[in-house]
C-alpha cells in the first residue's frame, strides 16, 4: 500500500510539474502564482514586462493584439499592444520581455519612465482591426502605398494612427502629440505626418468596415 501511495504521489507530482500554464497577460492572477510587472520605458512605443513564475509548472504568457496597459495615472497615456508576442517562463524563474505598444490617448503625456502602476485589460474589437492589418498587408500596402510600410518605424506610425482613429482622437491632439513626442518640437513635420497618415488610415478603416 505504501508503495502504491508513493507511486501515485510521484505520478501526481510529475503531472503537476509537466502541466503548462498558457494564458494572456491580462488573465493572470495570484491563483496561478504568476506575477506580471509592467515598467514604462518612458516612451509610447514599448513597455518592459517582467514575469515571475512562482509555480512548479512552466508557463507561456501571451501578449495579444489589443491587450491594454491601463495607466493608473490619469494625466498619462494608457498603452495597447500592436505586435503580438509571447514568452516562455520555466518553473521558478523570472523572465523579461519588451512589448511593442502604441499610445491610446493622444491628449495625454507619455508615461513617466519606470512607472509600474498599471492595470491590464483587453479590447477585442481593436484586436480584430489590428489583425486585419497583419492578415491583409499586401492589399493595404496597395491601397495606401507600399513605401509607407517598408520599415518598422513606418509600420508603427501607421498602427499608431490606427489606434488614435479607432479611439476617436482628433487631429489637433494627434498633431500636438506628434510635435512633442515624435518630431522633437517640429510642428511642420508633425503636420506633414498627420496629413500623410491620417487619410491613409481613414482609407484603411473604410476598407476594414466594408470587407466581411
N, C-alpha and C. Protein backbone atom coordinates (compact mmCIF):
# COMPACT_ATOMS: atom_id res chain seq x y z
N UNK A 1 0.83 -1.21 0.00
CA UNK A 1 0.00 0.00 0.00
C UNK A 1 0.86 1.25 0.00
N UNK A 2 1.94 1.21 0.81
CA UNK A 2 2.85 2.37 0.86
C UNK A 2 3.50 2.60 -0.50
N UNK A 3 3.86 1.46 -1.16
CA UNK A 3 4.50 1.57 -2.48
C UNK A 3 3.52 2.20 -3.48
N UNK A 4 2.27 1.76 -3.45
CA UNK A 4 1.25 2.30 -4.34
C UNK A 4 1.04 3.78 -4.09
N UNK A 5 0.98 4.15 -2.81
CA UNK A 5 0.81 5.57 -2.47
C UNK A 5 1.99 6.40 -2.97
N UNK A 6 3.19 5.87 -2.84
CA UNK A 6 4.38 6.58 -3.29
C UNK A 6 4.38 6.75 -4.80
N UNK A 7 3.97 5.69 -5.50
CA UNK A 7 3.91 5.75 -6.97
C UNK A 7 2.89 6.78 -7.41
N UNK A 8 1.72 6.76 -6.76
CA UNK A 8 0.67 7.74 -7.11
C UNK A 8 1.13 9.16 -6.82
N UNK A 9 1.85 9.34 -5.72
CA UNK A 9 2.35 10.68 -5.36
C UNK A 9 3.36 11.17 -6.41
N UNK A 10 4.26 10.26 -6.83
CA UNK A 10 5.25 10.63 -7.84
C UNK A 10 4.57 10.95 -9.17
N UNK A 11 3.53 10.14 -9.51
CA UNK A 11 2.79 10.39 -10.75
C UNK A 11 2.09 11.75 -10.71
N UNK A 12 1.47 12.03 -9.57
CA UNK A 12 0.77 13.31 -9.42
C UNK A 12 1.73 14.47 -9.50
N UNK A 13 2.90 14.33 -8.86
CA UNK A 13 3.91 15.41 -8.90
C UNK A 13 4.39 15.63 -10.32
N UNK A 14 4.63 14.52 -11.04
CA UNK A 14 5.10 14.63 -12.42
C UNK A 14 4.06 15.29 -13.30
N UNK A 15 2.77 14.94 -13.04
CA UNK A 15 1.69 15.53 -13.84
C UNK A 15 1.58 17.02 -13.61
N UNK A 16 1.64 17.42 -12.34
CA UNK A 16 1.54 18.84 -11.99
C UNK A 16 2.73 19.61 -12.57
N UNK A 17 3.92 19.00 -12.48
CA UNK A 17 5.12 19.68 -12.96
C UNK A 17 5.12 19.83 -14.46
N UNK A 18 4.53 18.83 -15.16
CA UNK A 18 4.56 18.87 -16.62
C UNK A 18 3.44 19.74 -17.20
N UNK A 19 2.36 19.93 -16.43
CA UNK A 19 1.27 20.78 -16.91
C UNK A 19 1.77 22.20 -17.12
N UNK A 20 1.27 22.84 -18.15
CA UNK A 20 1.78 24.16 -18.51
C UNK A 20 0.70 25.22 -18.41
N UNK A 21 1.03 26.31 -17.78
CA UNK A 21 0.13 27.46 -17.72
C UNK A 21 0.23 28.20 -19.05
N UNK A 22 -0.89 28.45 -19.70
CA UNK A 22 -0.90 29.06 -21.02
C UNK A 22 -2.01 30.10 -21.04
N UNK A 23 -1.65 31.38 -20.79
CA UNK A 23 -2.65 32.43 -20.62
C UNK A 23 -2.16 33.75 -21.18
N UNK A 24 -3.09 34.62 -21.58
CA UNK A 24 -2.70 36.00 -21.89
C UNK A 24 -2.40 36.76 -20.61
N UNK A 25 -1.58 37.79 -20.72
CA UNK A 25 -1.12 38.50 -19.52
C UNK A 25 -2.26 39.11 -18.72
N UNK A 26 -3.35 39.50 -19.39
CA UNK A 26 -4.43 40.18 -18.68
C UNK A 26 -5.36 39.22 -17.95
N UNK A 27 -5.13 37.91 -18.07
CA UNK A 27 -5.95 36.94 -17.34
C UNK A 27 -5.21 36.30 -16.17
N UNK A 28 -4.00 36.74 -15.93
CA UNK A 28 -3.23 36.16 -14.83
C UNK A 28 -3.70 36.70 -13.49
N UNK A 29 -3.66 35.87 -12.49
CA UNK A 29 -3.98 36.31 -11.14
C UNK A 29 -3.14 35.51 -10.15
N UNK A 30 -3.26 35.80 -8.88
CA UNK A 30 -2.42 35.16 -7.87
C UNK A 30 -2.65 33.66 -7.75
N UNK A 31 -3.80 33.18 -8.23
CA UNK A 31 -4.11 31.77 -8.07
C UNK A 31 -3.17 30.87 -8.87
N UNK A 32 -2.56 31.40 -9.92
CA UNK A 32 -1.64 30.60 -10.71
C UNK A 32 -0.18 30.92 -10.38
N UNK A 33 0.02 31.75 -9.39
CA UNK A 33 1.38 32.05 -8.93
C UNK A 33 2.27 32.65 -10.01
N UNK A 34 1.68 33.46 -10.85
CA UNK A 34 2.44 34.18 -11.86
C UNK A 34 2.29 35.67 -11.59
N UNK A 35 3.41 36.35 -11.40
CA UNK A 35 3.38 37.79 -11.17
C UNK A 35 3.85 38.51 -12.42
N UNK A 36 3.07 39.50 -12.86
CA UNK A 36 3.43 40.30 -14.03
C UNK A 36 3.69 41.73 -13.57
N UNK A 37 4.85 42.25 -13.91
CA UNK A 37 5.17 43.64 -13.60
C UNK A 37 5.50 44.36 -14.91
N UNK A 38 4.71 45.38 -15.23
CA UNK A 38 4.97 46.20 -16.41
C UNK A 38 5.68 47.48 -15.97
N UNK A 39 6.74 47.84 -16.68
CA UNK A 39 7.52 49.03 -16.33
C UNK A 39 7.71 49.89 -17.56
N UNK A 40 7.32 51.16 -17.46
CA UNK A 40 7.41 52.08 -18.58
C UNK A 40 8.86 52.33 -18.98
N UNK A 41 9.09 52.40 -20.28
CA UNK A 41 10.41 52.77 -20.81
C UNK A 41 10.52 54.27 -21.04
N UNK A 42 9.48 55.02 -20.63
CA UNK A 42 9.48 56.45 -20.87
C UNK A 42 9.15 56.80 -22.30
N UNK A 43 8.47 55.88 -23.00
CA UNK A 43 8.09 56.09 -24.38
C UNK A 43 6.71 55.49 -24.61
N UNK A 44 6.09 55.84 -25.73
CA UNK A 44 4.78 55.29 -26.07
C UNK A 44 4.91 54.10 -27.02
N UNK A 45 6.14 53.72 -27.38
CA UNK A 45 6.35 52.68 -28.38
C UNK A 45 6.65 51.30 -27.81
N UNK A 46 7.06 51.22 -26.57
CA UNK A 46 7.38 49.92 -25.98
C UNK A 46 7.20 49.97 -24.47
N UNK A 47 7.06 48.79 -23.89
CA UNK A 47 6.96 48.67 -22.44
C UNK A 47 7.67 47.39 -22.03
N UNK A 48 8.37 47.43 -20.91
CA UNK A 48 9.13 46.28 -20.43
C UNK A 48 8.28 45.48 -19.45
N UNK A 49 8.29 44.15 -19.62
CA UNK A 49 7.49 43.26 -18.80
C UNK A 49 8.40 42.26 -18.10
N UNK A 50 8.18 42.08 -16.80
CA UNK A 50 8.87 41.06 -16.03
C UNK A 50 7.85 40.03 -15.56
N UNK A 51 8.11 38.75 -15.85
CA UNK A 51 7.21 37.67 -15.45
C UNK A 51 7.93 36.81 -14.42
N UNK A 52 7.37 36.70 -13.23
CA UNK A 52 7.91 35.83 -12.18
C UNK A 52 7.01 34.60 -12.06
N UNK A 53 7.56 33.45 -12.37
CA UNK A 53 6.81 32.20 -12.27
C UNK A 53 7.15 31.53 -10.95
N UNK A 54 6.25 31.58 -10.00
CA UNK A 54 6.48 31.03 -8.67
C UNK A 54 5.90 29.63 -8.51
N UNK A 55 5.46 29.04 -9.59
CA UNK A 55 4.80 27.74 -9.53
C UNK A 55 5.73 26.63 -10.02
N UNK A 56 5.38 25.35 -9.77
CA UNK A 56 6.18 24.22 -10.27
C UNK A 56 5.91 23.91 -11.74
N UNK A 57 5.07 24.71 -12.39
CA UNK A 57 4.72 24.48 -13.79
C UNK A 57 5.37 25.52 -14.68
N UNK A 58 5.76 25.08 -15.87
CA UNK A 58 6.20 26.04 -16.86
C UNK A 58 5.03 26.87 -17.34
N UNK A 59 5.31 28.01 -17.94
CA UNK A 59 4.22 28.88 -18.39
C UNK A 59 4.56 29.51 -19.74
N UNK A 60 3.51 29.74 -20.50
CA UNK A 60 3.61 30.53 -21.74
C UNK A 60 2.66 31.70 -21.57
N UNK A 61 3.20 32.91 -21.55
CA UNK A 61 2.39 34.12 -21.36
C UNK A 61 2.29 34.85 -22.68
N UNK A 62 1.07 35.14 -23.09
CA UNK A 62 0.82 35.76 -24.39
C UNK A 62 0.52 37.25 -24.23
N UNK A 63 0.95 38.02 -25.22
CA UNK A 63 0.65 39.45 -25.29
C UNK A 63 -0.05 39.69 -26.63
N UNK A 64 -1.37 39.44 -26.67
CA UNK A 64 -2.11 39.51 -27.94
C UNK A 64 -2.36 40.94 -28.38
N UNK A 65 -2.59 41.07 -29.68
CA UNK A 65 -3.03 42.36 -30.21
C UNK A 65 -4.26 42.81 -29.43
N UNK A 66 -4.31 44.08 -29.09
CA UNK A 66 -5.46 44.60 -28.35
C UNK A 66 -5.33 44.49 -26.85
N UNK A 67 -4.26 43.86 -26.36
CA UNK A 67 -4.01 43.88 -24.93
C UNK A 67 -3.77 45.31 -24.47
N UNK A 68 -4.26 45.66 -23.30
CA UNK A 68 -4.23 47.06 -22.85
C UNK A 68 -3.50 47.17 -21.51
N UNK A 69 -2.60 48.14 -21.43
CA UNK A 69 -1.97 48.52 -20.17
C UNK A 69 -2.63 49.83 -19.73
N UNK A 70 -3.49 49.73 -18.75
CA UNK A 70 -4.24 50.89 -18.27
C UNK A 70 -3.41 51.65 -17.24
N UNK A 71 -3.08 52.87 -17.56
CA UNK A 71 -2.25 53.69 -16.67
C UNK A 71 -3.12 54.25 -15.54
N UNK A 72 -2.71 53.99 -14.30
CA UNK A 72 -3.47 54.50 -13.16
C UNK A 72 -3.28 56.00 -12.96
N UNK A 73 -2.23 56.55 -13.56
CA UNK A 73 -2.01 57.99 -13.52
C UNK A 73 -2.83 58.62 -14.65
N UNK A 74 -3.88 59.35 -14.28
CA UNK A 74 -4.84 59.83 -15.27
C UNK A 74 -4.28 60.86 -16.24
N UNK A 75 -3.17 61.51 -15.88
CA UNK A 75 -2.59 62.51 -16.78
C UNK A 75 -1.69 61.88 -17.84
N UNK A 76 -1.45 60.58 -17.72
CA UNK A 76 -0.56 59.88 -18.65
C UNK A 76 -1.33 58.87 -19.50
N UNK A 77 -0.72 58.50 -20.61
CA UNK A 77 -1.36 57.61 -21.56
C UNK A 77 -1.46 56.18 -21.06
N UNK A 78 -2.51 55.51 -21.50
CA UNK A 78 -2.55 54.06 -21.48
C UNK A 78 -1.92 53.56 -22.78
N UNK A 79 -1.53 52.30 -22.81
CA UNK A 79 -0.83 51.74 -23.95
C UNK A 79 -1.52 50.47 -24.41
N UNK A 80 -1.46 50.19 -25.72
CA UNK A 80 -2.07 48.98 -26.28
C UNK A 80 -1.06 48.20 -27.09
N UNK A 81 -1.19 46.88 -27.05
CA UNK A 81 -0.27 46.00 -27.79
C UNK A 81 -0.61 46.04 -29.28
N UNK A 82 0.41 46.34 -30.11
CA UNK A 82 0.18 46.39 -31.55
C UNK A 82 1.02 45.37 -32.31
N UNK A 83 1.76 44.54 -31.59
CA UNK A 83 2.52 43.46 -32.24
C UNK A 83 2.53 42.26 -31.29
N UNK A 84 1.87 41.18 -31.70
CA UNK A 84 1.74 40.00 -30.83
C UNK A 84 3.11 39.45 -30.45
N UNK A 85 3.21 39.00 -29.20
CA UNK A 85 4.42 38.33 -28.74
C UNK A 85 4.05 37.38 -27.61
N UNK A 86 4.96 36.50 -27.25
CA UNK A 86 4.76 35.60 -26.13
C UNK A 86 6.11 35.29 -25.51
N UNK A 87 6.08 34.77 -24.28
CA UNK A 87 7.31 34.42 -23.58
C UNK A 87 7.11 33.13 -22.81
N UNK A 88 8.10 32.25 -22.89
CA UNK A 88 8.11 31.02 -22.11
C UNK A 88 8.85 31.27 -20.81
N UNK A 89 8.21 30.94 -19.71
CA UNK A 89 8.81 31.15 -18.39
C UNK A 89 8.83 29.82 -17.65
N UNK A 90 9.99 29.18 -17.52
CA UNK A 90 10.06 27.90 -16.80
C UNK A 90 9.67 28.07 -15.33
N UNK A 91 9.42 26.95 -14.68
CA UNK A 91 9.05 26.97 -13.26
C UNK A 91 10.13 27.65 -12.43
N UNK A 92 9.69 28.45 -11.48
CA UNK A 92 10.57 29.11 -10.50
C UNK A 92 11.64 29.99 -11.16
N UNK A 93 11.27 30.68 -12.22
CA UNK A 93 12.22 31.59 -12.87
C UNK A 93 11.56 32.93 -13.13
N UNK A 94 12.37 33.91 -13.49
CA UNK A 94 11.91 35.25 -13.86
C UNK A 94 12.43 35.55 -15.26
N UNK A 95 11.56 35.98 -16.14
CA UNK A 95 11.94 36.34 -17.49
C UNK A 95 11.42 37.74 -17.81
N UNK A 96 12.10 38.42 -18.72
CA UNK A 96 11.66 39.75 -19.14
C UNK A 96 11.48 39.78 -20.65
N UNK A 97 10.62 40.67 -21.08
CA UNK A 97 10.34 40.84 -22.50
C UNK A 97 9.93 42.28 -22.75
N UNK A 98 10.25 42.79 -23.92
CA UNK A 98 9.82 44.14 -24.31
C UNK A 98 8.73 44.01 -25.36
N UNK A 99 7.61 44.67 -25.11
CA UNK A 99 6.43 44.56 -25.96
C UNK A 99 6.23 45.85 -26.74
N UNK A 100 5.94 45.71 -28.05
CA UNK A 100 5.66 46.88 -28.88
C UNK A 100 4.22 47.34 -28.63
N UNK A 101 4.08 48.60 -28.29
CA UNK A 101 2.78 49.16 -27.95
C UNK A 101 2.56 50.48 -28.69
N UNK A 102 1.37 51.01 -28.55
CA UNK A 102 1.03 52.32 -29.08
C UNK A 102 0.24 53.09 -28.03
N UNK A 103 0.23 54.39 -28.18
CA UNK A 103 -0.47 55.28 -27.26
C UNK A 103 -1.97 55.26 -27.53
N UNK A 104 -2.76 55.16 -26.47
CA UNK A 104 -4.21 55.15 -26.61
C UNK A 104 -4.85 56.50 -26.34
N UNK A 105 -4.07 57.49 -25.94
CA UNK A 105 -4.63 58.80 -25.54
C UNK A 105 -3.73 59.92 -26.07
N UNK A 106 -4.06 60.44 -27.25
CA UNK A 106 -3.20 61.46 -27.86
C UNK A 106 -3.18 62.76 -27.07
N UNK A 107 -4.18 62.99 -26.22
CA UNK A 107 -4.26 64.24 -25.48
C UNK A 107 -3.58 64.15 -24.11
N UNK A 108 -2.87 63.05 -23.85
CA UNK A 108 -2.17 62.90 -22.57
C UNK A 108 -0.67 62.75 -22.81
N UNK A 109 0.11 62.90 -21.73
CA UNK A 109 1.56 62.83 -21.87
C UNK A 109 2.06 61.38 -21.80
N UNK A 110 3.29 61.20 -22.29
CA UNK A 110 3.92 59.89 -22.30
C UNK A 110 4.11 59.40 -20.86
N UNK A 111 3.93 58.10 -20.61
CA UNK A 111 4.12 57.59 -19.24
C UNK A 111 5.52 57.88 -18.70
N UNK A 112 5.57 58.24 -17.43
CA UNK A 112 6.86 58.50 -16.79
C UNK A 112 7.72 57.24 -16.81
N UNK A 113 9.00 57.43 -17.06
CA UNK A 113 9.93 56.30 -17.11
C UNK A 113 9.92 55.54 -15.79
N UNK A 114 9.92 54.22 -15.88
CA UNK A 114 9.92 53.29 -14.74
C UNK A 114 8.59 53.20 -14.01
N UNK A 115 7.54 53.79 -14.54
CA UNK A 115 6.23 53.65 -13.90
C UNK A 115 5.80 52.19 -13.91
N UNK A 116 5.32 51.71 -12.77
CA UNK A 116 4.86 50.32 -12.65
C UNK A 116 3.39 50.22 -12.22
N UNK A 117 2.69 51.34 -12.18
CA UNK A 117 1.30 51.34 -11.73
C UNK A 117 0.36 51.17 -12.93
N UNK A 118 0.13 49.92 -13.30
CA UNK A 118 -0.70 49.58 -14.45
C UNK A 118 -1.75 48.55 -14.07
N UNK A 119 -2.89 48.64 -14.70
CA UNK A 119 -3.87 47.56 -14.69
C UNK A 119 -3.90 46.97 -16.10
N UNK A 120 -4.43 45.74 -16.22
CA UNK A 120 -4.39 45.04 -17.50
C UNK A 120 -5.79 44.74 -18.00
N UNK A 121 -5.99 44.90 -19.32
CA UNK A 121 -7.31 44.69 -19.91
C UNK A 121 -7.13 44.22 -21.35
N UNK A 122 -8.26 44.14 -22.06
CA UNK A 122 -8.24 43.61 -23.43
C UNK A 122 -9.36 44.25 -24.22
N UNK A 123 -9.03 44.70 -25.44
CA UNK A 123 -10.01 45.30 -26.33
C UNK A 123 -10.12 44.39 -27.56
N UNK A 124 -11.12 43.53 -27.58
CA UNK A 124 -11.24 42.53 -28.65
C UNK A 124 -11.52 43.16 -30.01
N UNK A 125 -12.24 44.27 -30.03
CA UNK A 125 -12.53 44.92 -31.32
C UNK A 125 -11.28 45.56 -31.90
N UNK A 126 -10.44 46.13 -31.05
CA UNK A 126 -9.17 46.67 -31.52
C UNK A 126 -8.29 45.53 -32.05
N UNK A 127 -8.31 44.39 -31.36
CA UNK A 127 -7.55 43.24 -31.86
C UNK A 127 -7.98 42.88 -33.27
N UNK A 128 -9.28 42.85 -33.53
CA UNK A 128 -9.78 42.48 -34.86
C UNK A 128 -9.27 43.46 -35.92
N UNK A 129 -9.25 44.74 -35.58
CA UNK A 129 -8.76 45.76 -36.51
C UNK A 129 -7.28 45.57 -36.82
N UNK A 130 -6.47 45.38 -35.76
CA UNK A 130 -5.03 45.20 -35.95
C UNK A 130 -4.73 43.90 -36.68
N UNK A 131 -5.47 42.85 -36.36
CA UNK A 131 -5.28 41.57 -37.04
C UNK A 131 -5.60 41.69 -38.52
N UNK A 132 -6.61 42.47 -38.84
CA UNK A 132 -6.95 42.71 -40.24
C UNK A 132 -5.77 43.33 -40.98
N UNK A 133 -5.06 44.24 -40.32
CA UNK A 133 -3.88 44.84 -40.94
C UNK A 133 -2.83 43.77 -41.25
N UNK A 134 -2.50 42.95 -40.26
CA UNK A 134 -1.44 41.95 -40.44
C UNK A 134 -1.82 40.88 -41.47
N UNK A 135 -3.10 40.52 -41.52
CA UNK A 135 -3.52 39.46 -42.43
C UNK A 135 -3.76 39.95 -43.85
N UNK A 136 -3.79 41.27 -44.04
CA UNK A 136 -4.09 41.83 -45.36
C UNK A 136 -3.05 42.88 -45.77
N UNK A 137 -1.80 42.66 -45.36
CA UNK A 137 -0.75 43.65 -45.62
C UNK A 137 -0.61 43.97 -47.11
N UNK A 138 -0.66 42.96 -47.96
CA UNK A 138 -0.48 43.19 -49.40
C UNK A 138 -1.54 44.14 -49.94
N UNK A 139 -2.79 43.87 -49.60
CA UNK A 139 -3.89 44.73 -50.05
C UNK A 139 -3.78 46.13 -49.47
N UNK A 140 -3.46 46.21 -48.19
CA UNK A 140 -3.37 47.51 -47.53
C UNK A 140 -2.21 48.34 -48.10
N UNK A 141 -1.09 47.69 -48.39
CA UNK A 141 0.03 48.40 -49.00
C UNK A 141 -0.34 48.89 -50.40
N UNK A 142 -1.11 48.08 -51.12
CA UNK A 142 -1.56 48.50 -52.45
C UNK A 142 -2.47 49.73 -52.35
N UNK A 143 -3.35 49.74 -51.34
CA UNK A 143 -4.31 50.83 -51.19
C UNK A 143 -3.68 52.10 -50.64
N UNK A 144 -2.64 51.96 -49.81
CA UNK A 144 -2.08 53.13 -49.11
C UNK A 144 -0.63 53.43 -49.47
N UNK A 145 -0.02 52.61 -50.32
CA UNK A 145 1.36 52.85 -50.75
C UNK A 145 2.35 51.99 -49.97
N UNK A 146 3.01 51.07 -50.66
CA UNK A 146 3.93 50.14 -50.00
C UNK A 146 5.06 50.87 -49.29
N UNK A 147 5.46 52.04 -49.84
CA UNK A 147 6.58 52.78 -49.24
C UNK A 147 6.23 53.31 -47.84
N UNK A 148 4.95 53.32 -47.51
CA UNK A 148 4.54 53.78 -46.18
C UNK A 148 4.55 52.66 -45.13
N UNK A 149 4.99 51.46 -45.56
CA UNK A 149 5.00 50.30 -44.66
C UNK A 149 6.33 49.54 -44.72
N UNK A 150 7.33 50.09 -45.37
CA UNK A 150 8.53 49.31 -45.67
C UNK A 150 9.60 49.34 -44.58
N UNK A 151 9.35 50.01 -43.46
CA UNK A 151 10.25 49.96 -42.31
C UNK A 151 9.42 49.76 -41.04
N UNK A 152 10.08 49.31 -39.99
CA UNK A 152 9.36 49.10 -38.73
C UNK A 152 8.80 50.41 -38.20
N UNK A 153 9.55 51.50 -38.36
CA UNK A 153 9.10 52.81 -37.88
C UNK A 153 7.83 53.24 -38.61
N UNK A 154 7.81 53.06 -39.93
CA UNK A 154 6.63 53.45 -40.70
C UNK A 154 5.42 52.58 -40.35
N UNK A 155 5.66 51.29 -40.15
CA UNK A 155 4.55 50.41 -39.78
C UNK A 155 3.99 50.79 -38.41
N UNK A 156 4.90 51.12 -37.49
CA UNK A 156 4.42 51.55 -36.17
C UNK A 156 3.65 52.86 -36.27
N UNK A 157 4.13 53.79 -37.08
CA UNK A 157 3.42 55.05 -37.26
C UNK A 157 2.01 54.81 -37.80
N UNK A 158 1.90 53.87 -38.75
CA UNK A 158 0.59 53.57 -39.32
C UNK A 158 -0.33 52.95 -38.26
N UNK A 159 0.19 51.98 -37.51
CA UNK A 159 -0.62 51.34 -36.49
C UNK A 159 -0.96 52.30 -35.36
N UNK A 160 -0.01 53.20 -35.03
CA UNK A 160 -0.31 54.21 -34.02
C UNK A 160 -1.47 55.09 -34.46
N UNK A 161 -1.45 55.50 -35.72
CA UNK A 161 -2.55 56.31 -36.23
C UNK A 161 -3.86 55.52 -36.22
N UNK A 162 -3.78 54.21 -36.50
CA UNK A 162 -4.98 53.36 -36.44
C UNK A 162 -5.59 53.38 -35.04
N UNK A 163 -4.74 53.28 -34.04
CA UNK A 163 -5.22 53.28 -32.65
C UNK A 163 -5.87 54.62 -32.33
N UNK A 164 -5.23 55.72 -32.72
CA UNK A 164 -5.81 57.04 -32.45
C UNK A 164 -7.17 57.20 -33.12
N UNK A 165 -7.26 56.82 -34.39
CA UNK A 165 -8.52 56.97 -35.11
C UNK A 165 -9.58 56.05 -34.50
N UNK A 166 -9.19 54.85 -34.13
CA UNK A 166 -10.12 53.89 -33.52
C UNK A 166 -10.71 54.46 -32.23
N UNK A 167 -9.87 55.12 -31.41
CA UNK A 167 -10.34 55.68 -30.14
C UNK A 167 -10.92 57.09 -30.29
N UNK A 168 -10.96 57.60 -31.51
CA UNK A 168 -11.63 58.86 -31.75
C UNK A 168 -10.83 60.10 -31.39
N UNK A 169 -9.50 59.99 -31.32
CA UNK A 169 -8.68 61.18 -31.05
C UNK A 169 -8.76 62.14 -32.23
N UNK A 170 -8.87 63.44 -31.94
CA UNK A 170 -8.98 64.39 -33.04
C UNK A 170 -7.60 64.79 -33.57
N UNK A 171 -7.61 65.38 -34.77
CA UNK A 171 -6.36 65.69 -35.47
C UNK A 171 -5.53 66.72 -34.70
N UNK A 172 -6.18 67.63 -33.99
CA UNK A 172 -5.45 68.64 -33.22
C UNK A 172 -4.60 67.99 -32.13
N UNK A 173 -5.22 67.06 -31.39
CA UNK A 173 -4.48 66.38 -30.33
C UNK A 173 -3.38 65.50 -30.92
N UNK A 174 -3.67 64.84 -32.03
CA UNK A 174 -2.67 63.99 -32.67
C UNK A 174 -1.48 64.81 -33.15
N UNK A 175 -1.76 65.96 -33.76
CA UNK A 175 -0.68 66.83 -34.23
C UNK A 175 0.16 67.34 -33.09
N UNK A 176 -0.49 67.74 -32.00
CA UNK A 176 0.24 68.22 -30.82
C UNK A 176 1.11 67.12 -30.24
N UNK A 177 0.57 65.91 -30.14
CA UNK A 177 1.34 64.79 -29.61
C UNK A 177 2.55 64.51 -30.51
N UNK A 178 2.31 64.46 -31.82
CA UNK A 178 3.41 64.17 -32.76
C UNK A 178 4.49 65.24 -32.68
N UNK A 179 4.09 66.50 -32.50
CA UNK A 179 5.06 67.58 -32.36
C UNK A 179 5.95 67.35 -31.15
N UNK A 180 5.35 67.00 -30.02
CA UNK A 180 6.08 66.89 -28.76
C UNK A 180 6.88 65.61 -28.62
N UNK A 181 6.32 64.49 -29.13
CA UNK A 181 6.90 63.19 -28.79
C UNK A 181 7.46 62.40 -29.98
N UNK A 182 7.15 62.80 -31.20
CA UNK A 182 7.68 62.09 -32.37
C UNK A 182 8.72 62.93 -33.11
N UNK A 183 8.48 64.23 -33.20
CA UNK A 183 9.33 65.09 -34.03
C UNK A 183 10.07 66.17 -33.25
N UNK A 184 10.24 65.94 -31.94
CA UNK A 184 11.10 66.82 -31.11
C UNK A 184 10.78 68.30 -31.26
N UNK A 185 9.48 68.62 -31.24
CA UNK A 185 9.07 70.02 -31.28
C UNK A 185 8.89 70.60 -32.67
N UNK A 186 9.10 69.82 -33.71
CA UNK A 186 8.96 70.31 -35.08
C UNK A 186 7.50 70.17 -35.52
N UNK A 187 6.76 71.25 -35.40
CA UNK A 187 5.33 71.22 -35.72
C UNK A 187 5.08 70.98 -37.20
N UNK A 188 5.93 71.54 -38.06
CA UNK A 188 5.74 71.35 -39.50
C UNK A 188 5.85 69.86 -39.87
N UNK A 189 6.83 69.19 -39.27
CA UNK A 189 6.99 67.75 -39.53
C UNK A 189 5.79 66.98 -39.01
N UNK A 190 5.25 67.40 -37.85
CA UNK A 190 4.08 66.74 -37.28
C UNK A 190 2.86 66.92 -38.17
N UNK A 191 2.67 68.13 -38.69
CA UNK A 191 1.55 68.40 -39.59
C UNK A 191 1.66 67.53 -40.84
N UNK A 192 2.88 67.44 -41.39
CA UNK A 192 3.10 66.61 -42.58
C UNK A 192 2.80 65.14 -42.28
N UNK A 193 3.21 64.68 -41.10
CA UNK A 193 2.94 63.31 -40.68
C UNK A 193 1.44 63.04 -40.63
N UNK A 194 0.70 63.93 -39.99
CA UNK A 194 -0.74 63.76 -39.87
C UNK A 194 -1.40 63.84 -41.25
N UNK A 195 -0.93 64.77 -42.08
CA UNK A 195 -1.51 64.92 -43.42
C UNK A 195 -1.33 63.67 -44.27
N UNK A 196 -0.24 62.93 -44.04
CA UNK A 196 0.01 61.70 -44.81
C UNK A 196 -0.73 60.51 -44.20
N UNK A 197 -0.57 60.29 -42.89
CA UNK A 197 -1.04 59.05 -42.28
C UNK A 197 -2.52 59.07 -41.92
N UNK A 198 -3.07 60.24 -41.58
CA UNK A 198 -4.49 60.28 -41.19
C UNK A 198 -5.40 59.85 -42.34
N UNK A 199 -5.25 60.42 -43.55
CA UNK A 199 -6.12 59.95 -44.64
C UNK A 199 -5.84 58.50 -45.04
N UNK A 200 -4.58 58.05 -44.93
CA UNK A 200 -4.27 56.66 -45.22
C UNK A 200 -5.03 55.73 -44.29
N UNK A 201 -5.01 56.06 -43.01
CA UNK A 201 -5.69 55.22 -42.02
C UNK A 201 -7.20 55.29 -42.21
N UNK A 202 -7.70 56.44 -42.60
CA UNK A 202 -9.13 56.56 -42.88
C UNK A 202 -9.52 55.63 -44.03
N UNK A 203 -8.66 55.54 -45.05
CA UNK A 203 -8.89 54.61 -46.16
C UNK A 203 -8.87 53.17 -45.66
N UNK A 204 -7.91 52.86 -44.81
CA UNK A 204 -7.79 51.53 -44.23
C UNK A 204 -9.03 51.18 -43.41
N UNK A 205 -9.51 52.13 -42.61
CA UNK A 205 -10.68 51.88 -41.77
C UNK A 205 -11.92 51.61 -42.62
N UNK A 206 -12.06 52.33 -43.71
CA UNK A 206 -13.19 52.11 -44.60
C UNK A 206 -13.10 50.73 -45.25
N UNK A 207 -11.87 50.35 -45.64
CA UNK A 207 -11.66 49.03 -46.21
C UNK A 207 -12.02 47.95 -45.20
N UNK A 208 -11.62 48.15 -43.97
CA UNK A 208 -11.91 47.18 -42.90
C UNK A 208 -13.41 47.04 -42.67
N UNK A 209 -14.11 48.18 -42.67
CA UNK A 209 -15.55 48.15 -42.41
C UNK A 209 -16.33 47.47 -43.54
N UNK A 210 -15.79 47.54 -44.77
CA UNK A 210 -16.55 47.07 -45.92
C UNK A 210 -16.18 45.66 -46.37
N UNK A 211 -15.22 45.03 -45.68
CA UNK A 211 -14.87 43.65 -46.04
C UNK A 211 -15.32 42.74 -44.90
N UNK A 212 -16.05 41.72 -45.25
CA UNK A 212 -16.56 40.78 -44.24
C UNK A 212 -15.40 39.97 -43.66
